[in-house]
Amino acid sequence: MWNWLGVIAWVLLAAYLGFIIWNIRSRHLKMVVTGKKPGPTWLVDLVEVVILVAAAYFMVWVSWLRPIDYADSRVVSVRYAYHPLILQTGATRSYYVTVASGNGKQPVRYYTYWTAGAKNQTNSRDADISLGSDPLTMKASMYPWDHKKLIALDGTTEKAYVATMTAHFKPTVLNGLGMHVGHVAERFDLIRIPNDTLMKIVPKQTD
């Protein structure tokens, strides 16, 4: 129901657009008929258009441009999942994750990794591979993590696991106006492997 705030707001904005078109046309026709000089009429036109532009910008901002603080529990609810990686046996060596390069049009890589009973695929926009002594990479550090939990997993899984953060929009007025309530705000996979020898680089298949 919260997302109906956004639907109603867009309907009201469209109705206001129709109103000012009718209102401006009506006042200008009246001005022509009565022979009055433009004067205050143009000022009223300007005020109405400025209000429309400001309202439209606000709706665009709240729907698509609004930055999200994933550490703000008032805006999003964050859940974590941790799964050990399953080692894949290749013809020449074993690996935990495959990395496929993009087709050259976009600087993106595609990751494939295996957990218990599942093959998972993601890309470098929504994931990062951790190889260093610290499980948290620079890219992953943009999101809230339980750092102690990650360090503990290093010991129990021999640095071979995936930590997944999923954030959902909570029911708030701004989230409702943006029609985001209940939707996924962000999902990020932190793929932890001991070293780069357990990563297989493969060419990206193109059509």
Protein backbone atom coordinates (compact mmCIF):
# COMPACT_ATOMS: atom_id res chain seq x y z
CA MET A 1 0.00 0.00 0.00
CA TRP A 2 2.90 2.37 0.63
CA ASN A 3 3.79 2.33 -3.06
CA TRP A 4 0.38 3.80 -3.86
CA LEU A 5 1.79 7.08 -2.53
CA GLY A 6 4.02 7.21 -5.61
CA VAL A 7 1.20 6.25 -7.97
CA ILE A 8 -1.06 8.96 -6.54
CA ALA A 9 1.76 11.52 -6.66
CA TRP A 10 2.44 10.84 -10.36
CA VAL A 11 -1.29 11.02 -11.13
CA LEU A 12 -1.55 14.36 -9.32
CA LEU A 13 1.52 15.62 -11.18
CA ALA A 14 -0.03 14.65 -14.53
CA ALA A 15 -3.30 16.29 -13.48
CA TYR A 16 -1.44 19.47 -12.50
CA LEU A 17 0.29 19.51 -15.89
CA GLY A 18 -3.10 19.32 -17.59
CA PHE A 19 -4.44 22.04 -15.31
CA ILE A 20 -1.67 24.56 -15.99
CA ILE A 21 -1.93 23.97 -19.75
CA TRP A 22 -5.65 24.69 -19.57
CA ASN A 23 -5.16 27.57 -17.12
CA ILE A 24 -2.44 29.31 -19.13
CA ARG A 25 -4.40 28.93 -22.35
CA SER A 26 -7.57 30.21 -20.71
CA ARG A 27 -5.91 33.29 -19.20
CA HIS A 28 -4.09 34.17 -22.42
CA LEU A 29 -7.28 33.87 -24.50
CA LYS A 30 -9.05 36.09 -21.98
CA MET A 31 -6.18 38.56 -22.22
CA VAL A 32 -6.51 38.66 -26.02
CA VAL A 33 -10.29 39.11 -25.85
CA THR A 34 -10.17 41.88 -23.26
CA GLY A 35 -7.11 43.54 -24.77
CA LYS A 36 -5.24 43.59 -21.50
CA LYS A 37 -1.45 43.83 -21.44
CA PRO A 38 0.50 40.67 -20.42
CA GLY A 39 1.77 42.12 -17.15
CA PRO A 40 1.03 39.80 -14.17
CA THR A 41 -0.21 37.02 -16.49
CA TRP A 42 3.32 36.03 -17.44
CA LEU A 43 4.36 36.06 -13.79
CA VAL A 44 1.55 33.63 -12.92
CA ASP A 45 2.62 31.44 -15.87
CA LEU A 46 6.18 31.39 -14.58
CA VAL A 47 5.16 30.49 -11.03
CA GLU A 48 2.97 27.62 -12.23
CA VAL A 49 5.73 26.23 -14.47
CA VAL A 50 8.36 26.53 -11.73
CA ILE A 51 6.10 24.58 -9.34
CA LEU A 52 5.62 21.90 -12.01
CA VAL A 53 9.34 21.59 -12.72
CA ALA A 54 10.19 21.44 -9.00
CA ALA A 55 7.55 18.76 -8.36
CA ALA A 56 8.67 16.73 -11.40
CA TYR A 57 12.33 16.93 -10.32
CA PHE A 58 11.43 15.81 -6.81
CA MET A 59 9.53 12.77 -8.14
CA VAL A 60 12.40 11.84 -10.48
CA TRP A 61 14.88 12.25 -7.61
CA VAL A 62 12.89 10.16 -5.15
CA SER A 63 12.22 7.47 -7.79
CA TRP A 64 15.63 7.10 -9.47
CA LEU A 65 18.30 9.54 -8.24
CA ARG A 66 18.01 9.39 -4.45
CA PRO A 67 21.20 8.03 -2.83
CA ILE A 68 20.65 5.21 -0.36
CA ASP A 69 22.57 4.81 2.90
CA TYR A 70 22.62 1.04 3.38
CA ALA A 71 23.70 1.50 6.99
CA ASP A 72 20.51 3.47 7.77
CA SER A 73 18.09 0.98 9.31
CA ARG A 74 15.27 3.50 8.94
CA VAL A 75 15.47 3.28 5.14
CA VAL A 76 16.48 -0.32 4.40
CA SER A 77 16.49 -3.69 6.11
CA VAL A 78 19.69 -5.64 5.47
CA ARG A 79 20.10 -9.41 5.56
CA TYR A 80 23.23 -11.51 5.19
CA ALA A 81 23.84 -15.05 3.97
CA TYR A 82 27.09 -17.00 4.14
CA HIS A 83 27.83 -20.13 2.12
CA PRO A 84 31.05 -22.16 1.71
CA LEU A 85 32.31 -22.43 -1.86
CA ILE A 86 32.48 -25.82 -3.55
CA LEU A 87 35.75 -26.63 -5.28
CA GLN A 88 35.45 -27.50 -8.97
CA THR A 89 37.86 -30.01 -10.46
CA GLY A 90 39.19 -29.04 -13.87
CA ALA A 91 41.29 -30.88 -16.44
CA THR A 92 44.49 -29.14 -15.33
CA ARG A 93 43.66 -27.59 -11.95
CA SER A 94 40.84 -26.95 -9.48
CA TYR A 95 39.09 -23.66 -8.90
CA TYR A 96 36.34 -21.99 -6.88
CA VAL A 97 35.20 -19.30 -9.31
CA THR A 98 35.36 -18.62 -13.03
CA VAL A 99 35.78 -15.11 -14.40
CA ALA A 100 34.57 -14.30 -17.90
CA SER A 101 35.57 -11.03 -19.52
CA GLY A 102 33.01 -8.76 -21.15
CA ASN A 103 32.63 -8.34 -24.89
CA GLY A 104 34.65 -5.12 -24.96
CA LYS A 105 31.66 -2.77 -25.09
CA GLN A 106 31.40 -2.54 -21.30
CA PRO A 107 34.13 -2.96 -18.65
CA VAL A 108 32.32 -5.74 -16.78
CA ARG A 109 33.27 -9.26 -15.75
CA TYR A 110 31.01 -12.21 -15.12
CA TYR A 111 31.53 -14.47 -12.12
CA THR A 112 30.35 -18.06 -11.68
CA TYR A 113 30.74 -19.88 -8.37
CA TRP A 114 29.28 -22.97 -6.73
CA THR A 115 27.73 -23.46 -3.32
CA ALA A 116 26.02 -26.57 -1.92
CA GLY A 117 23.62 -27.73 -4.63
CA ALA A 118 23.68 -24.47 -6.57
CA LYS A 119 25.49 -22.78 -9.43
CA ASN A 120 25.52 -18.99 -8.98
CA GLN A 121 26.23 -16.27 -11.53
CA THR A 122 26.77 -12.56 -11.01
CA ASN A 123 28.91 -9.75 -12.40
CA SER A 124 31.48 -7.21 -11.28
CA ARG A 125 28.81 -4.55 -10.77
CA ASP A 126 27.14 -6.58 -8.04
CA ALA A 127 30.07 -8.56 -6.66
CA ASP A 128 33.79 -8.54 -5.92
CA ILE A 129 36.45 -11.19 -5.42
CA SER A 130 38.48 -11.00 -2.22
CA LEU A 131 42.05 -12.32 -2.36
CA GLY A 132 43.91 -10.30 0.26
CA SER A 133 44.69 -10.90 3.89
CA ASP A 134 41.62 -8.85 4.83
CA PRO A 135 38.36 -10.36 3.56
CA LEU A 136 36.80 -6.95 3.01
CA THR A 137 37.71 -5.37 -0.34
CA MET A 138 37.60 -1.67 -1.13
CA LYS A 139 34.50 -2.09 -3.30
CA ALA A 140 32.69 -4.21 -0.72
CA SER A 141 33.48 -1.71 2.03
CA MET A 142 30.82 0.62 0.60
CA TYR A 143 28.25 -1.64 2.28
CA PRO A 144 27.73 -2.50 5.96
CA TRP A 145 29.29 -5.84 6.93
CA ASP A 146 29.98 -7.70 10.14
CA HIS A 147 33.78 -7.60 9.79
CA LYS A 148 34.33 -9.96 12.72
CA LYS A 149 32.02 -12.50 11.11
CA LEU A 150 34.02 -12.37 7.86
CA ILE A 151 37.30 -12.86 9.71
CA ALA A 152 35.81 -15.80 11.60
CA LEU A 153 34.69 -17.37 8.31
CA ASP A 154 38.25 -17.10 7.03
CA GLY A 155 39.24 -19.60 9.70
CA THR A 156 36.29 -22.00 9.47
CA THR A 157 36.10 -22.20 5.65
CA GLU A 158 39.79 -21.85 4.75
CA LYS A 159 39.00 -18.54 3.03
CA ALA A 160 36.55 -20.11 0.58
CA TYR A 161 33.04 -18.70 0.95
CA VAL A 162 30.59 -16.18 -0.43
CA ALA A 163 28.99 -13.53 1.78
CA THR A 164 25.81 -12.04 0.32
CA MET A 165 24.26 -8.78 1.47
CA THR A 166 20.68 -8.08 0.41
CA ALA A 167 18.96 -4.79 1.29
CA HIS A 168 15.20 -4.22 0.93
CA PHE A 169 13.42 -0.87 1.05
CA LYS A 170 11.41 -0.39 4.24
CA PRO A 171 7.93 1.20 4.41
CA THR A 172 8.63 4.95 4.63
CA VAL A 173 7.06 7.96 2.94
CA LEU A 174 10.03 8.60 0.63
CA ASN A 175 10.33 4.92 -0.29
CA GLY A 176 6.60 4.87 -0.96
CA LEU A 177 6.77 7.97 -3.17
CA GLY A 178 9.55 6.27 -5.13
CA MET A 179 7.43 3.08 -5.31
CA HIS A 180 10.30 1.06 -3.83
CA VAL A 181 8.81 -0.40 -0.64
CA GLY A 182 9.45 -4.15 -0.44
CA HIS A 183 11.77 -4.12 -3.46
CA VAL A 184 15.46 -5.02 -3.42
CA ALA A 185 17.58 -1.90 -2.94
CA GLU A 186 20.88 -3.70 -3.45
CA ARG A 187 22.41 -7.17 -3.53
CA PHE A 188 26.15 -7.67 -3.32
CA ASP A 189 28.24 -10.85 -3.28
CA LEU A 190 31.65 -10.86 -1.62
CA ILE A 191 33.39 -13.90 -3.11
CA ARG A 192 36.26 -14.97 -0.87
CA ILE A 193 38.98 -17.30 -2.22
CA PRO A 194 42.45 -18.07 -0.81
CA ASN A 195 44.45 -16.88 -3.85
CA ASP A 196 44.21 -16.23 -7.58
CA THR A 197 45.37 -19.75 -8.51
CA LEU A 198 41.89 -20.94 -7.49
CA MET A 199 40.25 -18.59 -9.99
CA LYS A 200 39.73 -19.68 -13.60
CA ILE A 201 39.75 -17.01 -16.32
CA VAL A 202 37.61 -17.94 -19.33
CA PRO A 203 36.74 -15.98 -22.50
CA LYS A 204 33.26 -14.51 -22.64
CA GLN A 205 31.09 -16.36 -25.15
CA THR A 206 29.53 -14.03 -27.74
CA ASP A 207 26.63 -14.68 -30.10
